[in-house]
Amino acid sequence: MSQRTTEMLKMAEIFPAYEFLLESDLATICERIESKSYPKSIYEKVAEDIQQIKNGDYIHKIDKYFDSFYEQTNTVLDYLAEDFIICLDEVQKIKSRAEAIAKDNQNLIQELIEKNKIVPTGFVTQQDYLDFCDKIKTKQTIYLEKQDIGFVDKQSMHAKRNGYSFSYREVNFFRSSMDLLFQKLQKAMASTKQTVILRRKRR
C-alpha cells in the first residue's frame, strides 16, 4: 500500500483481469445472438456488437448477451455442497436490499428502452428475493436476528421450524478498554448467560 520496496522478487504471477470461460465457440455464440428478435431501433447496434464479438472483442459484450454465451445460469448457492452451512445476518435487511436492487434494475431497464439501447440479459433474468428464499430452504442455514426485531419476514419463518435461529444484541467495540470488557464478561457470567468470544486469526 505504501509503494515501498520490501524485497526483490525474481518472479511475479499476474492473473488475468477477466476470467470468462466460454462454453461454445464465438461463431456459435454469434448465431445464437442473431437468432433472437430485436426492435428495429437497436438492430444496427446488435449487428455492430456481433461483428466485434467475431473479432474477439467479446469481454464487454457478455453482460448484454449472457444467455447466448451461457445456456445455464447459476448462483453461488448452486456450488455449495450439502455439508456447507450458510449464515444469514438480519434477513429483513437482506430482503430490503434485494427489493431495492430489483427496483433500481426495473428503472434502469425502462431508461434503456426509452433510449433505444440494449437491455443486458442479467437485468432481465436476475433472481428475486423469493427465488433466493426457495433455494435457501434446501440448505443448512443459521439465521441471526437482533433481539428487539426478531423474525418478521414470512418467507424466512421456516428457519424456526427447519433450521437454527439465534437472537443477539450489538455491543460497542471495546478497542483497548480491557477493563470495560472484563466488567461486561463478569456481568454476563453472573447472570448465567453463555458468552462466546471470537477472534480473527492473523496470517
Protein backbone atom coordinates (compact mmCIF):
# COMPACT_ATOMS: atom_id res chain seq x y z
CA MET A 1 0.00 0.00 0.00
CA SER A 2 2.88 2.38 0.72
CA GLN A 3 4.53 1.59 -2.68
CA ARG A 4 7.77 0.91 -0.83
CA THR A 5 10.00 -1.96 -1.83
CA THR A 6 10.35 -4.54 0.92
CA GLU A 7 12.20 -7.24 -1.02
CA MET A 8 13.38 -8.08 -4.53
CA LEU A 9 11.43 -10.73 -6.43
CA LYS A 10 12.73 -12.84 -9.28
CA MET A 11 9.24 -13.76 -10.46
CA ALA A 12 5.68 -12.46 -10.08
CA GLU A 13 2.43 -14.11 -11.15
CA ILE A 14 -0.08 -11.75 -12.78
CA PHE A 15 -3.63 -13.06 -13.10
CA PRO A 16 -5.96 -12.04 -15.95
CA ALA A 17 -8.31 -9.12 -15.41
CA TYR A 18 -11.22 -11.21 -16.69
CA GLU A 19 -11.90 -14.92 -16.25
CA PHE A 20 -14.65 -15.89 -18.68
CA LEU A 21 -14.60 -19.49 -19.86
CA LEU A 22 -16.70 -19.83 -22.99
CA GLU A 23 -18.91 -22.90 -23.35
CA SER A 24 -19.11 -22.52 -27.13
CA ASP A 25 -17.02 -21.03 -29.91
CA LEU A 26 -17.62 -17.41 -30.91
CA ALA A 27 -19.29 -18.40 -34.20
CA THR A 28 -21.95 -20.42 -32.34
CA ILE A 29 -22.47 -17.59 -29.85
CA CYS A 30 -22.99 -15.09 -32.65
CA GLU A 31 -25.53 -17.40 -34.28
CA ARG A 32 -27.50 -17.51 -31.03
CA ILE A 33 -27.48 -13.72 -30.77
CA GLU A 34 -28.58 -13.33 -34.40
CA SER A 35 -31.42 -15.84 -33.94
CA LYS A 36 -33.14 -13.66 -31.34
CA SER A 37 -35.62 -10.93 -32.24
CA TYR A 38 -34.75 -7.30 -31.51
CA PRO A 39 -36.58 -4.00 -32.01
CA LYS A 40 -35.66 -2.32 -35.29
CA SER A 41 -34.33 0.67 -33.36
CA ILE A 42 -31.44 -1.34 -31.88
CA TYR A 43 -30.84 -3.94 -34.61
CA GLU A 44 -27.97 -1.94 -36.10
CA LYS A 45 -26.27 -1.77 -32.69
CA VAL A 46 -26.70 -5.53 -32.25
CA ALA A 47 -25.08 -6.10 -35.63
CA GLU A 48 -22.10 -3.97 -34.57
CA ASP A 49 -21.76 -5.96 -31.34
CA ILE A 50 -21.85 -9.25 -33.24
CA GLN A 51 -19.04 -8.09 -35.51
CA GLN A 52 -16.91 -7.09 -32.52
CA ILE A 53 -17.56 -10.47 -30.88
CA LYS A 54 -16.49 -12.26 -34.06
CA ASN A 55 -13.27 -10.24 -33.99
CA GLY A 56 -12.55 -11.50 -30.47
CA ASP A 57 -13.59 -8.38 -28.54
CA TYR A 58 -16.33 -10.06 -26.52
CA ILE A 59 -15.41 -9.36 -22.88
CA HIS A 60 -17.55 -6.22 -22.61
CA LYS A 61 -20.42 -7.84 -24.54
CA ILE A 62 -21.03 -10.81 -22.24
CA ASP A 63 -23.31 -8.84 -19.89
CA LYS A 64 -25.52 -7.81 -22.81
CA TYR A 65 -25.93 -11.27 -24.29
CA PHE A 66 -25.29 -13.50 -21.28
CA ASP A 67 -27.94 -16.07 -22.23
CA SER A 68 -26.26 -16.51 -25.61
CA PHE A 69 -22.82 -17.04 -24.08
CA TYR A 70 -24.06 -19.46 -21.42
CA GLU A 71 -27.04 -21.78 -21.72
CA GLN A 72 -27.48 -22.20 -17.95
CA THR A 73 -27.03 -19.60 -15.22
CA ASN A 74 -26.11 -20.46 -11.64
CA THR A 75 -25.62 -18.65 -8.36
CA VAL A 76 -23.12 -19.33 -5.60
CA LEU A 77 -25.79 -21.43 -3.84
CA ASP A 78 -25.65 -23.98 -6.68
CA TYR A 79 -21.97 -24.67 -5.96
CA LEU A 80 -22.31 -25.34 -2.25
CA ALA A 81 -22.11 -28.95 -1.10
CA GLU A 82 -24.69 -30.43 1.26
CA ASP A 83 -22.39 -30.15 4.29
CA PHE A 84 -21.99 -26.37 3.93
CA ILE A 85 -23.70 -24.10 6.45
CA ILE A 86 -24.97 -20.66 5.40
CA CYS A 87 -25.29 -17.85 7.94
CA LEU A 88 -27.76 -15.07 7.19
CA ASP A 89 -27.33 -11.92 9.26
CA GLU A 90 -30.60 -9.97 9.62
CA VAL A 91 -32.86 -11.39 6.92
CA GLN A 92 -35.04 -8.28 6.84
CA LYS A 93 -32.08 -6.18 5.74
CA ILE A 94 -31.24 -8.72 3.05
CA LYS A 95 -34.83 -8.56 1.82
CA SER A 96 -34.88 -4.75 1.79
CA ARG A 97 -31.60 -4.63 -0.12
CA ALA A 98 -32.81 -7.20 -2.66
CA GLU A 99 -36.03 -5.26 -3.24
CA ALA A 100 -34.08 -2.01 -3.70
CA ILE A 101 -31.79 -3.65 -6.29
CA ALA A 102 -34.79 -5.07 -8.16
CA LYS A 103 -36.44 -1.63 -8.22
CA ASP A 104 -33.26 0.03 -9.47
CA ASN A 105 -32.96 -2.60 -12.22
CA GLN A 106 -36.52 -2.00 -13.37
CA ASN A 107 -35.91 1.74 -13.56
CA LEU A 108 -32.68 1.17 -15.48
CA ILE A 109 -34.38 -1.24 -17.89
CA GLN A 110 -37.09 1.34 -18.59
CA GLU A 111 -34.46 4.03 -19.14
CA LEU A 112 -32.50 1.86 -21.58
CA ILE A 113 -35.67 1.02 -23.52
CA GLU A 114 -36.59 4.70 -23.80
CA LYS A 115 -33.10 5.48 -25.12
CA ASN A 116 -33.29 2.62 -27.67
CA LYS A 117 -30.40 0.79 -26.04
CA ILE A 118 -29.84 -2.90 -25.47
CA VAL A 119 -31.03 -4.22 -22.10
CA PRO A 120 -28.38 -6.56 -20.61
CA THR A 121 -29.67 -10.08 -20.08
CA GLY A 122 -28.61 -10.05 -16.42
CA PHE A 123 -31.11 -7.29 -15.61
CA VAL A 124 -33.99 -9.32 -17.02
CA THR A 125 -33.07 -12.76 -15.65
CA GLN A 126 -31.94 -11.67 -12.20
CA GLN A 127 -33.49 -13.79 -9.46
CA ASP A 128 -35.59 -12.01 -6.88
CA TYR A 129 -35.80 -12.41 -3.11
CA LEU A 130 -38.48 -15.12 -3.23
CA ASP A 131 -36.33 -17.23 -5.56
CA PHE A 132 -33.49 -16.86 -3.07
CA CYS A 133 -35.76 -17.98 -0.20
CA ASP A 134 -36.85 -21.07 -2.12
CA LYS A 135 -33.25 -22.10 -2.78
CA ILE A 136 -32.09 -21.41 0.74
CA LYS A 137 -34.72 -23.78 2.17
CA THR A 138 -32.78 -26.76 0.85
CA LYS A 139 -29.54 -25.66 2.56
CA GLN A 140 -28.34 -25.87 6.15
CA THR A 141 -28.94 -22.35 7.36
CA ILE A 142 -28.31 -20.35 10.52
CA TYR A 143 -30.32 -17.15 10.97
CA LEU A 144 -29.06 -14.26 13.08
CA GLU A 145 -31.54 -11.60 14.17
CA LYS A 146 -31.48 -8.79 16.70
CA GLN A 147 -33.45 -9.45 19.87
CA ASP A 148 -35.56 -6.32 19.51
CA ILE A 149 -36.63 -7.15 15.93
CA GLY A 150 -36.92 -10.90 15.61
CA PHE A 151 -38.14 -12.79 12.56
CA VAL A 152 -40.58 -10.50 10.79
CA ASP A 153 -40.27 -11.91 7.29
CA LYS A 154 -42.84 -14.60 6.42
CA GLN A 155 -40.61 -16.21 3.80
CA SER A 156 -37.94 -16.83 6.45
CA MET A 157 -40.15 -18.18 9.22
CA HIS A 158 -39.25 -21.71 8.14
CA ALA A 159 -35.95 -21.11 9.97
CA LYS A 160 -37.66 -21.69 13.29
CA ARG A 161 -39.05 -24.99 12.07
CA ASN A 162 -36.32 -26.37 9.81
CA GLY A 163 -33.14 -24.56 10.81
CA TYR A 164 -31.33 -22.86 13.64
CA SER A 165 -32.04 -19.32 14.76
CA PHE A 166 -30.09 -17.11 17.13
CA SER A 167 -31.11 -13.80 18.58
CA TYR A 168 -28.38 -11.36 19.51
CA ARG A 169 -27.75 -7.79 20.51
CA GLU A 170 -24.99 -5.50 19.37
CA VAL A 171 -22.29 -4.33 21.77
CA ASN A 172 -19.83 -1.49 21.45
CA PHE A 173 -16.29 -2.20 20.36
CA PHE A 174 -14.06 -2.28 23.39
CA ARG A 175 -10.92 -1.37 21.43
CA SER A 176 -8.20 -1.05 24.10
CA SER A 177 -10.58 -0.72 27.07
CA MET A 178 -9.92 -4.17 28.53
CA ASP A 179 -11.30 -3.18 31.95
CA LEU A 180 -14.70 -2.48 30.38
CA LEU A 181 -14.56 -5.82 28.59
CA PHE A 182 -13.86 -7.67 31.85
CA GLN A 183 -16.76 -5.88 33.55
CA LYS A 184 -19.14 -6.96 30.78
CA LEU A 185 -17.92 -10.54 30.95
CA GLN A 186 -18.30 -10.71 34.74
CA LYS A 187 -21.82 -9.34 34.48
CA ALA A 188 -22.75 -11.91 31.83
CA MET A 189 -21.27 -14.75 33.90
CA ALA A 190 -23.15 -13.61 36.98
CA SER A 191 -26.43 -13.75 35.05
CA THR A 192 -25.59 -17.30 33.85
CA LYS A 193 -25.54 -16.16 30.21
CA GLN A 194 -23.36 -18.09 27.82
CA THR A 195 -20.70 -15.91 26.22
CA VAL A 196 -18.82 -16.70 23.02
CA ILE A 197 -15.66 -14.78 22.15
CA LEU A 198 -14.40 -14.92 18.58
CA ARG A 199 -11.08 -13.65 17.37
CA ARG A 200 -9.59 -13.16 13.95
CA LYS A 201 -6.63 -15.39 13.20
CA ARG A 202 -3.65 -13.45 11.94
CA ARG A 203 -1.78 -14.91 8.99
